[in-house]
Amino acid sequence: MPSASSIVARSYPDKIIGVDNSLPWHLRTDLQLFKKRTQGHAVIMGRKTFESIGRPLPNRTNIILSRTEPLFLKSFPSLKWAQNPETALLLADIESIISGKMQFFVIGGDQIYKVFEPYINTIFVTDVFCGNINGDAKFELDFGDPLAGEKSEWIIKSEEEYPKTDSDEYPFRVTKYDRRKPFHRYRSKEEFMGRVPNFDVLLEQYEVRLKLEPIEEGQLDFFE
């Protein structure tokens, strides 16, 4: 099964991701990173997020999750509409397998992140150091603080700081979080098939696999 990942940019420390359905900053470098990571992949977004972008993201399979059929579908034949999260995941899986990609992305907005959070294995978080701002959408997932002795199912795989520049309105930090036990989509698949997975055996096999062949870019072909 292809791996599900999220990409989100939020203010620090307020965790704001949107004001009136738009980003409250301009970070050219972060947009370039987003483009580099998602090109060629399937992306899942809500109706409001698509409306804020205004057009399909090029060289990506754009999947819109909305309870009702969006009016803009007729204007963009390449868009795929999913009426529920299960259909969105199915479409993302199919498109990823057809294109030979083992990862797809959930890109917002706030309610969409919450809906798919149980299935996500990797999250790329951009913390924007813009100070306190007011907004109407947040990404409040708590990753825990290992330095404070807090336990978390997430681990930091990489972290990079970026300064303020003429192209980047604020300094920011990009952190990649991975789930310690990325079995969530496997579990949902097994339960759907009417089976109860043995996670003790699965974890042991997974740890052996990691030592022999480290997984890159979320390629969880182990779970096929």
N, C-alpha and C. Protein backbone atom coordinates (compact mmCIF):
# COMPACT_ATOMS: atom_id res chain seq x y z
N MET A 1 0.84 -1.20 0.00
CA MET A 1 0.00 0.00 0.00
C MET A 1 0.87 1.24 0.00
N PRO A 2 0.58 2.22 -0.83
CA PRO A 2 1.32 3.49 -0.79
C PRO A 2 1.20 4.14 0.58
N SER A 3 2.23 4.88 0.94
CA SER A 3 2.26 5.55 2.24
C SER A 3 1.55 6.90 2.16
N ALA A 4 0.79 7.23 3.21
CA ALA A 4 0.08 8.51 3.28
C ALA A 4 0.91 9.52 4.08
N SER A 5 1.15 10.68 3.50
CA SER A 5 1.92 11.74 4.15
C SER A 5 1.13 13.04 4.14
N SER A 6 1.49 13.94 5.05
CA SER A 6 0.88 15.27 5.09
C SER A 6 1.95 16.33 4.96
N ILE A 7 1.57 17.46 4.39
CA ILE A 7 2.43 18.64 4.34
C ILE A 7 1.62 19.82 4.85
N VAL A 8 2.18 20.54 5.84
CA VAL A 8 1.44 21.66 6.43
C VAL A 8 2.41 22.76 6.83
N ALA A 9 1.99 24.00 6.64
CA ALA A 9 2.74 25.16 7.11
C ALA A 9 1.88 25.87 8.14
N ARG A 10 2.46 26.19 9.29
CA ARG A 10 1.70 26.82 10.37
C ARG A 10 2.55 27.88 11.07
N SER A 11 1.87 28.83 11.69
CA SER A 11 2.58 29.88 12.41
C SER A 11 3.13 29.35 13.73
N TYR A 12 4.20 29.94 14.17
CA TYR A 12 4.76 29.61 15.47
C TYR A 12 4.73 30.85 16.35
N PRO A 13 4.10 30.78 17.53
CA PRO A 13 3.67 29.57 18.25
C PRO A 13 2.18 29.26 18.16
N ASP A 14 1.41 30.01 17.38
CA ASP A 14 -0.06 29.89 17.44
C ASP A 14 -0.62 28.73 16.62
N LYS A 15 0.19 28.13 15.75
CA LYS A 15 -0.24 26.98 14.92
C LYS A 15 -1.36 27.34 13.95
N ILE A 16 -1.37 28.59 13.49
CA ILE A 16 -2.35 29.05 12.50
C ILE A 16 -1.91 28.61 11.11
N ILE A 17 -2.87 28.06 10.32
CA ILE A 17 -2.52 27.67 8.95
C ILE A 17 -3.29 28.47 7.91
N GLY A 18 -4.26 29.27 8.33
CA GLY A 18 -5.02 30.04 7.35
C GLY A 18 -5.79 31.19 7.95
N VAL A 19 -5.93 32.24 7.17
CA VAL A 19 -6.75 33.40 7.53
C VAL A 19 -7.63 33.71 6.33
N ASP A 20 -8.94 33.58 6.51
CA ASP A 20 -9.89 33.82 5.41
C ASP A 20 -9.54 32.98 4.18
N ASN A 21 -9.21 31.71 4.42
CA ASN A 21 -8.93 30.74 3.36
C ASN A 21 -7.71 31.11 2.51
N SER A 22 -6.73 31.73 3.14
CA SER A 22 -5.48 32.04 2.43
C SER A 22 -4.32 31.99 3.42
N LEU A 23 -3.10 31.82 2.88
CA LEU A 23 -1.92 31.78 3.73
C LEU A 23 -1.57 33.19 4.21
N PRO A 24 -1.24 33.34 5.49
CA PRO A 24 -0.91 34.67 6.01
C PRO A 24 0.56 35.05 5.85
N TRP A 25 1.24 34.48 4.88
CA TRP A 25 2.65 34.79 4.63
C TRP A 25 3.01 34.38 3.20
N HIS A 26 4.19 34.82 2.77
CA HIS A 26 4.71 34.38 1.47
C HIS A 26 6.11 33.85 1.69
N LEU A 27 6.28 32.56 1.43
CA LEU A 27 7.57 31.89 1.60
C LEU A 27 7.89 31.15 0.29
N ARG A 28 8.63 31.80 -0.56
CA ARG A 28 8.93 31.21 -1.88
C ARG A 28 9.70 29.90 -1.75
N THR A 29 10.65 29.86 -0.82
CA THR A 29 11.46 28.66 -0.64
C THR A 29 10.61 27.48 -0.20
N ASP A 30 9.70 27.73 0.72
CA ASP A 30 8.82 26.65 1.20
C ASP A 30 7.89 26.16 0.09
N LEU A 31 7.42 27.08 -0.74
CA LEU A 31 6.58 26.67 -1.87
C LEU A 31 7.37 25.81 -2.85
N GLN A 32 8.66 26.13 -3.03
CA GLN A 32 9.50 25.31 -3.91
C GLN A 32 9.71 23.92 -3.32
N LEU A 33 9.87 23.84 -2.00
CA LEU A 33 10.01 22.54 -1.34
C LEU A 33 8.73 21.72 -1.49
N PHE A 34 7.59 22.38 -1.33
CA PHE A 34 6.30 21.72 -1.50
C PHE A 34 6.16 21.16 -2.91
N LYS A 35 6.52 21.96 -3.88
CA LYS A 35 6.43 21.54 -5.28
C LYS A 35 7.35 20.34 -5.55
N LYS A 36 8.56 20.40 -5.04
CA LYS A 36 9.53 19.33 -5.27
C LYS A 36 9.05 18.01 -4.67
N ARG A 37 8.46 18.08 -3.47
CA ARG A 37 8.02 16.86 -2.79
C ARG A 37 6.79 16.24 -3.44
N THR A 38 5.88 17.07 -3.92
CA THR A 38 4.59 16.56 -4.36
C THR A 38 4.47 16.31 -5.85
N GLN A 39 5.38 16.86 -6.66
CA GLN A 39 5.26 16.68 -8.11
C GLN A 39 5.29 15.20 -8.49
N GLY A 40 4.36 14.83 -9.36
CA GLY A 40 4.27 13.46 -9.81
C GLY A 40 3.45 12.57 -8.90
N HIS A 41 3.00 13.11 -7.77
CA HIS A 41 2.25 12.33 -6.79
C HIS A 41 0.78 12.73 -6.79
N ALA A 42 -0.03 11.92 -6.14
CA ALA A 42 -1.43 12.28 -5.88
C ALA A 42 -1.49 13.16 -4.64
N VAL A 43 -2.37 14.17 -4.66
CA VAL A 43 -2.57 15.03 -3.50
C VAL A 43 -4.06 15.10 -3.18
N ILE A 44 -4.37 15.03 -1.90
CA ILE A 44 -5.76 15.10 -1.43
C ILE A 44 -5.95 16.43 -0.72
N MET A 45 -7.03 17.12 -1.07
CA MET A 45 -7.32 18.41 -0.44
C MET A 45 -8.83 18.60 -0.33
N GLY A 46 -9.22 19.54 0.52
CA GLY A 46 -10.63 19.89 0.64
C GLY A 46 -11.04 20.91 -0.41
N ARG A 47 -12.34 21.12 -0.50
CA ARG A 47 -12.87 22.05 -1.50
C ARG A 47 -12.33 23.46 -1.28
N LYS A 48 -12.31 23.92 -0.03
CA LYS A 48 -11.86 25.28 0.25
C LYS A 48 -10.39 25.48 -0.09
N THR A 49 -9.59 24.45 0.18
CA THR A 49 -8.17 24.54 -0.16
C THR A 49 -7.98 24.69 -1.66
N PHE A 50 -8.74 23.89 -2.45
CA PHE A 50 -8.64 24.03 -3.90
C PHE A 50 -9.06 25.42 -4.34
N GLU A 51 -10.14 25.93 -3.77
CA GLU A 51 -10.61 27.27 -4.14
C GLU A 51 -9.58 28.34 -3.82
N SER A 52 -8.82 28.15 -2.73
CA SER A 52 -7.78 29.12 -2.39
C SER A 52 -6.62 29.07 -3.38
N ILE A 53 -6.34 27.87 -3.92
CA ILE A 53 -5.29 27.73 -4.94
C ILE A 53 -5.79 28.26 -6.28
N GLY A 54 -7.04 27.92 -6.63
CA GLY A 54 -7.66 28.46 -7.83
C GLY A 54 -7.51 27.64 -9.09
N ARG A 55 -6.70 26.60 -9.04
CA ARG A 55 -6.48 25.76 -10.24
C ARG A 55 -5.86 24.45 -9.78
N PRO A 56 -5.93 23.40 -10.61
CA PRO A 56 -5.26 22.14 -10.26
C PRO A 56 -3.75 22.33 -10.19
N LEU A 57 -3.12 21.69 -9.23
CA LEU A 57 -1.66 21.72 -9.15
C LEU A 57 -1.10 20.90 -10.32
N PRO A 58 -0.25 21.48 -11.14
CA PRO A 58 0.25 20.77 -12.33
C PRO A 58 1.11 19.57 -11.99
N ASN A 59 1.10 18.58 -12.88
CA ASN A 59 1.90 17.37 -12.74
C ASN A 59 1.60 16.63 -11.44
N ARG A 60 0.36 16.71 -10.97
CA ARG A 60 -0.09 15.98 -9.81
C ARG A 60 -1.53 15.54 -10.03
N THR A 61 -1.91 14.43 -9.42
CA THR A 61 -3.30 14.01 -9.45
C THR A 61 -4.02 14.72 -8.31
N ASN A 62 -4.93 15.62 -8.64
CA ASN A 62 -5.63 16.44 -7.65
C ASN A 62 -6.95 15.76 -7.26
N ILE A 63 -7.04 15.35 -6.00
CA ILE A 63 -8.24 14.69 -5.48
C ILE A 63 -8.92 15.63 -4.50
N ILE A 64 -10.18 15.96 -4.78
CA ILE A 64 -10.93 16.91 -3.94
C ILE A 64 -11.91 16.13 -3.07
N LEU A 65 -11.78 16.27 -1.76
CA LEU A 65 -12.72 15.64 -0.84
C LEU A 65 -13.81 16.64 -0.48
N SER A 66 -15.05 16.30 -0.82
CA SER A 66 -16.19 17.18 -0.55
C SER A 66 -17.46 16.34 -0.49
N ARG A 67 -18.32 16.60 0.49
CA ARG A 67 -19.56 15.82 0.62
C ARG A 67 -20.46 15.98 -0.61
N THR A 68 -20.45 17.17 -1.19
CA THR A 68 -21.26 17.43 -2.38
C THR A 68 -20.33 17.73 -3.55
N GLU A 69 -20.80 17.46 -4.75
CA GLU A 69 -19.98 17.67 -5.94
C GLU A 69 -19.70 19.16 -6.14
N PRO A 70 -18.43 19.56 -6.14
CA PRO A 70 -18.09 20.97 -6.32
C PRO A 70 -18.49 21.48 -7.70
N LEU A 71 -18.95 22.72 -7.76
CA LEU A 71 -19.37 23.31 -9.02
C LEU A 71 -18.20 23.48 -9.99
N PHE A 72 -16.98 23.65 -9.45
CA PHE A 72 -15.83 23.92 -10.32
C PHE A 72 -15.32 22.67 -11.05
N LEU A 73 -15.87 21.49 -10.74
CA LEU A 73 -15.41 20.27 -11.40
C LEU A 73 -15.57 20.35 -12.91
N LYS A 74 -16.65 20.97 -13.38
CA LYS A 74 -16.90 21.07 -14.81
C LYS A 74 -15.84 21.90 -15.52
N SER A 75 -15.21 22.82 -14.78
CA SER A 75 -14.19 23.68 -15.38
C SER A 75 -12.82 23.02 -15.42
N PHE A 76 -12.64 21.97 -14.61
CA PHE A 76 -11.33 21.30 -14.54
C PHE A 76 -11.53 19.79 -14.64
N PRO A 77 -11.60 19.27 -15.87
CA PRO A 77 -11.88 17.84 -16.09
C PRO A 77 -10.85 16.91 -15.46
N SER A 78 -9.64 17.40 -15.20
CA SER A 78 -8.59 16.52 -14.66
C SER A 78 -8.79 16.24 -13.17
N LEU A 79 -9.62 17.03 -12.51
CA LEU A 79 -9.84 16.84 -11.07
C LEU A 79 -10.59 15.53 -10.80
N LYS A 80 -10.28 14.94 -9.65
CA LYS A 80 -11.02 13.76 -9.20
C LYS A 80 -11.74 14.13 -7.91
N TRP A 81 -13.02 13.75 -7.84
CA TRP A 81 -13.85 14.11 -6.68
C TRP A 81 -14.10 12.87 -5.84
N ALA A 82 -13.89 13.00 -4.53
CA ALA A 82 -14.18 11.94 -3.58
C ALA A 82 -15.22 12.45 -2.59
N GLN A 83 -16.30 11.70 -2.43
CA GLN A 83 -17.38 12.12 -1.55
C GLN A 83 -17.10 11.78 -0.08
N ASN A 84 -16.15 10.88 0.16
CA ASN A 84 -15.81 10.49 1.53
C ASN A 84 -14.33 10.14 1.59
N PRO A 85 -13.74 10.07 2.81
CA PRO A 85 -12.31 9.79 2.95
C PRO A 85 -11.90 8.45 2.36
N GLU A 86 -12.77 7.44 2.49
CA GLU A 86 -12.42 6.12 1.96
C GLU A 86 -12.22 6.15 0.45
N THR A 87 -13.08 6.87 -0.24
CA THR A 87 -12.94 7.00 -1.69
C THR A 87 -11.68 7.78 -2.05
N ALA A 88 -11.39 8.82 -1.28
CA ALA A 88 -10.17 9.61 -1.53
C ALA A 88 -8.92 8.75 -1.38
N LEU A 89 -8.88 7.91 -0.34
CA LEU A 89 -7.74 7.02 -0.14
C LEU A 89 -7.63 6.01 -1.28
N LEU A 90 -8.77 5.47 -1.71
CA LEU A 90 -8.76 4.51 -2.81
C LEU A 90 -8.22 5.14 -4.09
N LEU A 91 -8.71 6.34 -4.41
CA LEU A 91 -8.22 7.04 -5.60
C LEU A 91 -6.73 7.32 -5.50
N ALA A 92 -6.27 7.75 -4.33
CA ALA A 92 -4.85 8.05 -4.14
C ALA A 92 -4.02 6.79 -4.29
N ASP A 93 -4.50 5.68 -3.75
CA ASP A 93 -3.79 4.40 -3.89
C ASP A 93 -3.69 4.00 -5.37
N ILE A 94 -4.82 4.03 -6.06
CA ILE A 94 -4.84 3.62 -7.46
C ILE A 94 -3.91 4.48 -8.30
N GLU A 95 -4.01 5.81 -8.15
CA GLU A 95 -3.18 6.72 -8.95
C GLU A 95 -1.70 6.54 -8.62
N SER A 96 -1.39 6.29 -7.33
CA SER A 96 0.00 6.10 -6.92
C SER A 96 0.57 4.83 -7.53
N ILE A 97 -0.21 3.75 -7.48
CA ILE A 97 0.26 2.47 -8.02
C ILE A 97 0.46 2.56 -9.53
N ILE A 98 -0.50 3.20 -10.22
CA ILE A 98 -0.40 3.33 -11.68
C ILE A 98 0.84 4.13 -12.08
N SER A 99 1.13 5.19 -11.32
CA SER A 99 2.26 6.06 -11.66
C SER A 99 3.58 5.58 -11.05
N GLY A 100 3.53 4.48 -10.30
CA GLY A 100 4.75 3.93 -9.72
C GLY A 100 5.25 4.68 -8.51
N LYS A 101 4.36 5.42 -7.84
CA LYS A 101 4.73 6.18 -6.65
C LYS A 101 4.26 5.42 -5.41
N MET A 102 5.09 5.43 -4.38
CA MET A 102 4.72 4.74 -3.15
C MET A 102 4.35 5.71 -2.04
N GLN A 103 3.98 6.93 -2.43
CA GLN A 103 3.61 7.94 -1.44
C GLN A 103 2.64 8.93 -2.05
N PHE A 104 1.63 9.34 -1.29
CA PHE A 104 0.77 10.44 -1.71
C PHE A 104 0.62 11.40 -0.54
N PHE A 105 0.04 12.58 -0.82
CA PHE A 105 0.07 13.65 0.17
C PHE A 105 -1.32 14.21 0.47
N VAL A 106 -1.54 14.53 1.74
CA VAL A 106 -2.72 15.27 2.19
C VAL A 106 -2.25 16.70 2.44
N ILE A 107 -2.91 17.69 1.81
CA ILE A 107 -2.36 19.06 1.84
C ILE A 107 -3.33 20.09 2.41
N GLY A 108 -4.40 19.67 3.08
CA GLY A 108 -5.25 20.65 3.76
C GLY A 108 -6.67 20.70 3.25
N GLY A 109 -7.52 21.46 3.94
CA GLY A 109 -7.25 22.32 5.08
C GLY A 109 -7.35 21.62 6.44
N ASP A 110 -7.69 22.42 7.48
CA ASP A 110 -7.59 21.93 8.85
C ASP A 110 -8.46 20.70 9.11
N GLN A 111 -9.69 20.68 8.61
CA GLN A 111 -10.56 19.54 8.83
C GLN A 111 -10.07 18.31 8.06
N ILE A 112 -9.50 18.53 6.90
CA ILE A 112 -8.98 17.42 6.09
C ILE A 112 -7.80 16.77 6.81
N TYR A 113 -6.92 17.58 7.41
CA TYR A 113 -5.81 17.03 8.17
C TYR A 113 -6.33 16.13 9.30
N LYS A 114 -7.36 16.59 9.99
CA LYS A 114 -7.90 15.81 11.12
C LYS A 114 -8.52 14.50 10.66
N VAL A 115 -9.22 14.54 9.53
CA VAL A 115 -9.87 13.33 9.01
C VAL A 115 -8.85 12.26 8.66
N PHE A 116 -7.73 12.66 8.06
CA PHE A 116 -6.76 11.68 7.57
C PHE A 116 -5.64 11.38 8.56
N GLU A 117 -5.58 12.09 9.67
CA GLU A 117 -4.51 11.91 10.64
C GLU A 117 -4.31 10.45 11.06
N PRO A 118 -5.37 9.66 11.26
CA PRO A 118 -5.16 8.26 11.66
C PRO A 118 -4.40 7.42 10.63
N TYR A 119 -4.35 7.86 9.37
CA TYR A 119 -3.73 7.07 8.31
C TYR A 119 -2.34 7.57 7.92
N ILE A 120 -1.90 8.67 8.51
CA ILE A 120 -0.67 9.32 8.09
C ILE A 120 0.56 8.67 8.73
N ASN A 121 1.59 8.43 7.91
CA ASN A 121 2.85 7.88 8.40
C ASN A 121 3.94 8.94 8.54
N THR A 122 3.88 9.98 7.70
CA THR A 122 4.90 11.03 7.69
C THR A 122 4.23 12.39 7.58
N ILE A 123 4.73 13.37 8.34
CA ILE A 123 4.22 14.74 8.26
C ILE A 123 5.40 15.70 8.11
N PHE A 124 5.35 16.52 7.07
CA PHE A 124 6.32 17.61 6.89
C PHE A 124 5.68 18.88 7.44
N VAL A 125 6.25 19.43 8.52
CA VAL A 125 5.69 20.61 9.17
C VAL A 125 6.62 21.80 8.98
N THR A 126 6.10 22.87 8.39
CA THR A 126 6.83 24.13 8.30
C THR A 126 6.33 25.05 9.40
N ASP A 127 7.20 25.34 10.39
CA ASP A 127 6.87 26.29 11.44
C ASP A 127 7.38 27.66 11.02
N VAL A 128 6.44 28.60 10.84
CA VAL A 128 6.78 29.94 10.37
C VAL A 128 6.91 30.87 11.57
N PHE A 129 8.08 31.48 11.75
CA PHE A 129 8.34 32.33 12.91
C PHE A 129 7.87 33.76 12.65
N CYS A 130 6.55 33.89 12.59
CA CYS A 130 5.95 35.19 12.26
C CYS A 130 5.37 35.88 13.49
N GLY A 131 5.51 35.27 14.67
CA GLY A 131 4.93 35.86 15.87
C GLY A 131 3.45 35.55 15.97
N ASN A 132 2.80 36.16 16.94
CA ASN A 132 1.38 35.91 17.19
C ASN A 132 0.51 36.52 16.10
N ILE A 133 -0.37 35.72 15.53
CA ILE A 133 -1.32 36.20 14.53
C ILE A 133 -2.69 35.58 14.82
N ASN A 134 -3.71 36.19 14.29
CA ASN A 134 -5.06 35.65 14.41
C ASN A 134 -5.41 34.92 13.12
N GLY A 135 -6.10 33.80 13.25
CA GLY A 135 -6.51 33.04 12.09
C GLY A 135 -7.72 32.19 12.39
N ASP A 136 -8.33 31.65 11.35
CA ASP A 136 -9.55 30.86 11.54
C ASP A 136 -9.34 29.39 11.24
N ALA A 137 -8.08 28.96 11.04
CA ALA A 137 -7.78 27.55 10.81
C ALA A 137 -6.46 27.21 11.48
N LYS A 138 -6.42 26.05 12.16
CA LYS A 138 -5.23 25.67 12.90
C LYS A 138 -4.83 24.23 12.60
N PHE A 139 -3.54 23.93 12.83
CA PHE A 139 -3.04 22.56 12.81
C PHE A 139 -2.42 22.33 14.19
N GLU A 140 -3.16 21.65 15.06
CA GLU A 140 -2.79 21.59 16.47
C GLU A 140 -2.29 20.22 16.91
N LEU A 141 -1.92 19.37 15.98
CA LEU A 141 -1.43 18.05 16.35
C LEU A 141 -0.22 18.20 17.27
N ASP A 142 -0.25 17.48 18.40
CA ASP A 142 0.82 17.55 19.39
C ASP A 142 1.81 16.42 19.14
N PHE A 143 3.04 16.78 18.80
CA PHE A 143 4.07 15.78 18.53
C PHE A 143 4.84 15.38 19.79
N GLY A 144 4.57 16.07 20.90
CA GLY A 144 5.29 15.78 22.13
C GLY A 144 6.67 16.42 22.14
N ASP A 145 7.25 16.51 23.34
CA ASP A 145 8.58 17.11 23.50
C ASP A 145 9.48 16.10 24.20
N PRO A 146 10.34 15.38 23.42
CA PRO A 146 11.22 14.38 24.03
C PRO A 146 12.14 14.97 25.09
N LEU A 147 12.56 16.23 24.93
CA LEU A 147 13.46 16.86 25.89
C LEU A 147 12.78 17.06 27.24
N ALA A 148 11.43 17.14 27.20
CA ALA A 148 10.67 17.30 28.44
C ALA A 148 10.20 15.95 28.99
N GLY A 149 10.67 14.88 28.38
CA GLY A 149 10.29 13.55 28.83
C GLY A 149 8.91 13.11 28.38
N GLU A 150 8.36 13.81 27.38
CA GLU A 150 7.03 13.45 26.89
C GLU A 150 7.13 12.33 25.86
N LYS A 151 6.32 11.31 26.04
CA LYS A 151 6.29 10.21 25.08
C LYS A 151 5.42 10.59 23.89
N SER A 152 5.82 10.14 22.73
CA SER A 152 5.07 10.44 21.52
C SER A 152 5.21 9.30 20.54
N GLU A 153 4.18 9.11 19.73
CA GLU A 153 4.27 8.10 18.68
C GLU A 153 5.02 8.64 17.47
N TRP A 154 5.45 9.92 17.53
CA TRP A 154 6.16 10.55 16.42
C TRP A 154 7.63 10.74 16.77
N ILE A 155 8.49 10.60 15.78
CA ILE A 155 9.91 10.87 15.96
C ILE A 155 10.36 11.85 14.87
N ILE A 156 11.32 12.68 15.22
CA ILE A 156 11.86 13.65 14.26
C ILE A 156 12.92 12.96 13.41
N LYS A 157 12.70 12.94 12.10
CA LYS A 157 13.65 12.32 11.18
C LYS A 157 14.63 13.34 10.59
N SER A 158 14.17 14.58 10.43
CA SER A 158 15.06 15.62 9.93
C SER A 158 14.49 16.99 10.31
N GLU A 159 15.38 17.98 10.34
CA GLU A 159 14.96 19.33 10.72
C GLU A 159 15.93 20.32 10.09
N GLU A 160 15.39 21.36 9.46
CA GLU A 160 16.25 22.34 8.79
C GLU A 160 15.68 23.74 8.96
N GLU A 161 16.57 24.68 9.29
CA GLU A 161 16.19 26.07 9.50
C GLU A 161 16.44 26.89 8.23
N TYR A 162 15.54 27.84 7.96
CA TYR A 162 15.66 28.72 6.80
C TYR A 162 15.54 30.17 7.27
N PRO A 163 16.42 31.05 6.81
CA PRO A 163 16.39 32.45 7.25
C PRO A 163 15.37 33.28 6.46
N LYS A 164 15.08 34.45 6.97
CA LYS A 164 14.29 35.43 6.24
C LYS A 164 15.12 35.96 5.08
N THR A 165 14.49 36.08 3.90
CA THR A 165 15.19 36.59 2.72
C THR A 165 14.25 37.52 1.96
N ASP A 166 14.73 38.04 0.85
CA ASP A 166 13.87 38.88 0.02
C ASP A 166 12.67 38.09 -0.52
N SER A 167 12.84 36.78 -0.67
CA SER A 167 11.77 35.93 -1.20
C SER A 167 10.94 35.25 -0.11
N ASP A 168 11.46 35.27 1.11
CA ASP A 168 10.79 34.61 2.24
C ASP A 168 10.50 35.65 3.32
N GLU A 169 9.23 35.87 3.55
CA GLU A 169 8.79 36.95 4.43
C GLU A 169 9.25 36.77 5.87
N TYR A 170 9.35 35.51 6.32
CA TYR A 170 9.75 35.21 7.70
C TYR A 170 10.74 34.05 7.70
N PRO A 171 11.54 33.94 8.76
CA PRO A 171 12.34 32.72 8.91
C PRO A 171 11.41 31.55 9.23
N PHE A 172 11.84 30.33 8.90
CA PHE A 172 10.99 29.18 9.18
C PHE A 172 11.83 27.92 9.36
N ARG A 173 11.19 26.91 9.89
CA ARG A 173 11.85 25.62 10.12
C ARG A 173 10.99 24.51 9.53
N VAL A 174 11.62 23.58 8.82
CA VAL A 174 10.90 22.44 8.25
C VAL A 174 11.32 21.17 9.00
N THR A 175 10.35 20.49 9.58
CA THR A 175 10.61 19.28 10.36
C THR A 175 9.86 18.11 9.74
N LYS A 176 10.55 17.01 9.58
CA LYS A 176 9.92 15.78 9.09
C LYS A 176 9.67 14.85 10.28
N TYR A 177 8.40 14.52 10.51
CA TYR A 177 8.02 13.59 11.58
C TYR A 177 7.58 12.26 10.97
N ASP A 178 8.07 11.18 11.54
CA ASP A 178 7.62 9.85 11.14
C ASP A 178 6.95 9.16 12.33
N ARG A 179 5.93 8.38 12.05
CA ARG A 179 5.32 7.57 13.10
C ARG A 179 6.27 6.44 13.47
N ARG A 180 6.36 6.13 14.76
CA ARG A 180 7.23 5.07 15.22
C ARG A 180 6.78 3.72 14.67
N LYS A 181 5.47 3.50 14.65
CA LYS A 181 4.92 2.23 14.17
C LYS A 181 3.92 2.54 13.05
N PRO A 182 4.40 2.58 11.82
CA PRO A 182 3.54 3.00 10.71
C PRO A 182 2.62 1.89 10.21
N PHE A 183 1.74 1.41 11.11
CA PHE A 183 0.88 0.30 10.76
C PHE A 183 -0.58 0.71 10.59
N HIS A 184 -0.86 2.00 10.58
CA HIS A 184 -2.25 2.45 10.64
C HIS A 184 -3.04 2.05 9.40
N ARG A 185 -2.47 2.24 8.24
CA ARG A 185 -3.19 1.87 7.01
C ARG A 185 -3.23 0.35 6.87
N TYR A 186 -2.19 -0.32 7.31
CA TYR A 186 -2.20 -1.78 7.30
C TYR A 186 -3.32 -2.31 8.19
N ARG A 187 -3.47 -1.70 9.36
CA ARG A 187 -4.52 -2.14 10.29
C ARG A 187 -5.90 -1.94 9.69
N SER A 188 -6.13 -0.78 9.08
CA SER A 188 -7.44 -0.52 8.48
C SER A 188 -7.73 -1.50 7.36
N LYS A 189 -6.68 -1.87 6.60
CA LYS A 189 -6.85 -2.84 5.51
C LYS A 189 -7.21 -4.21 6.08
N GLU A 190 -6.48 -4.65 7.11
CA GLU A 190 -6.73 -5.96 7.70
C GLU A 190 -8.12 -6.04 8.33
N GLU A 191 -8.52 -4.97 9.03
CA GLU A 191 -9.84 -4.97 9.66
C GLU A 191 -10.94 -4.98 8.62
N PHE A 192 -10.69 -4.29 7.50
CA PHE A 192 -11.67 -4.30 6.41
C PHE A 192 -11.83 -5.72 5.84
N MET A 193 -10.73 -6.46 5.82
CA MET A 193 -10.76 -7.83 5.31
C MET A 193 -11.27 -8.83 6.34
N GLY A 194 -11.61 -8.32 7.54
CA GLY A 194 -12.14 -9.20 8.57
C GLY A 194 -11.07 -9.95 9.34
N ARG A 195 -9.82 -9.45 9.30
CA ARG A 195 -8.73 -10.12 10.00
C ARG A 195 -8.22 -9.24 11.13
N VAL A 196 -7.67 -9.86 12.17
CA VAL A 196 -7.07 -9.13 13.28
C VAL A 196 -5.56 -9.27 13.16
N PRO A 197 -4.85 -8.20 12.81
CA PRO A 197 -3.40 -8.31 12.60
C PRO A 197 -2.63 -8.52 13.89
N ASN A 198 -1.56 -9.31 13.84
CA ASN A 198 -0.68 -9.55 14.97
C ASN A 198 0.43 -8.51 14.93
N PHE A 199 0.29 -7.45 15.73
CA PHE A 199 1.23 -6.33 15.63
C PHE A 199 2.57 -6.63 16.28
N ASP A 200 2.62 -7.57 17.22
CA ASP A 200 3.91 -7.93 17.82
C ASP A 200 4.81 -8.57 16.77
N VAL A 201 4.27 -9.50 16.01
CA VAL A 201 5.03 -10.14 14.94
C VAL A 201 5.36 -9.14 13.84
N LEU A 202 4.39 -8.28 13.49
CA LEU A 202 4.59 -7.29 12.44
C LEU A 202 5.70 -6.32 12.80
N LEU A 203 5.73 -5.86 14.07
CA LEU A 203 6.76 -4.92 14.50
C LEU A 203 8.14 -5.56 14.45
N GLU A 204 8.24 -6.82 14.87
CA GLU A 204 9.52 -7.52 14.82
C GLU A 204 10.03 -7.64 13.39
N GLN A 205 9.15 -7.99 12.47
CA GLN A 205 9.53 -8.11 11.06
C GLN A 205 9.91 -6.75 10.48
N TYR A 206 9.17 -5.72 10.88
CA TYR A 206 9.42 -4.37 10.38
C TYR A 206 10.79 -3.87 10.81
N GLU A 207 11.16 -4.12 12.08
CA GLU A 207 12.45 -3.67 12.59
C GLU A 207 13.60 -4.39 11.89
N VAL A 208 13.41 -5.68 11.61
CA VAL A 208 14.42 -6.43 10.86
C VAL A 208 14.57 -5.85 9.46
N ARG A 209 13.45 -5.53 8.83
CA ARG A 209 13.46 -4.97 7.48
C ARG A 209 14.19 -3.62 7.45
N LEU A 210 13.98 -2.79 8.46
CA LEU A 210 14.62 -1.48 8.52
C LEU A 210 16.14 -1.62 8.59
N LYS A 211 16.62 -2.62 9.34
CA LYS A 211 18.07 -2.81 9.46
C LYS A 211 18.67 -3.27 8.14
N LEU A 212 17.94 -4.09 7.42
CA LEU A 212 18.45 -4.63 6.16
C LEU A 212 18.31 -3.66 5.01
N GLU A 213 17.21 -2.88 5.01
CA GLU A 213 16.91 -2.02 3.86
C GLU A 213 16.11 -0.82 4.35
N PRO A 214 16.80 0.27 4.76
CA PRO A 214 16.09 1.45 5.27
C PRO A 214 15.07 1.96 4.27
N ILE A 215 13.88 2.29 4.75
CA ILE A 215 12.81 2.78 3.89
C ILE A 215 13.01 4.27 3.62
N GLU A 216 12.92 4.66 2.36
CA GLU A 216 13.07 6.05 1.97
C GLU A 216 11.80 6.53 1.29
N GLU A 217 11.50 7.81 1.48
CA GLU A 217 10.35 8.45 0.84
C GLU A 217 9.04 7.70 1.10
N GLY A 218 8.96 7.09 2.32
CA GLY A 218 7.70 6.46 2.70
C GLY A 218 7.33 5.25 1.88
N GLN A 219 8.28 4.52 1.34
CA GLN A 219 7.96 3.38 0.49
C GLN A 219 7.69 2.16 1.36
N LEU A 220 6.42 1.96 1.70
CA LEU A 220 6.04 0.89 2.60
C LEU A 220 5.57 -0.33 1.83
N ASP A 221 6.38 -0.78 0.86
CA ASP A 221 5.97 -1.95 0.09
C ASP A 221 5.93 -3.20 0.97
N PHE A 222 6.52 -3.12 2.16
CA PHE A 222 6.46 -4.22 3.12
C PHE A 222 5.03 -4.60 3.46
N PHE A 223 4.12 -3.65 3.35
CA PHE A 223 2.74 -3.88 3.76
C PHE A 223 1.86 -4.35 2.61
N GLU A 224 2.42 -4.64 1.46
CA GLU A 224 1.59 -5.11 0.36
C GLU A 224 1.03 -6.49 0.67
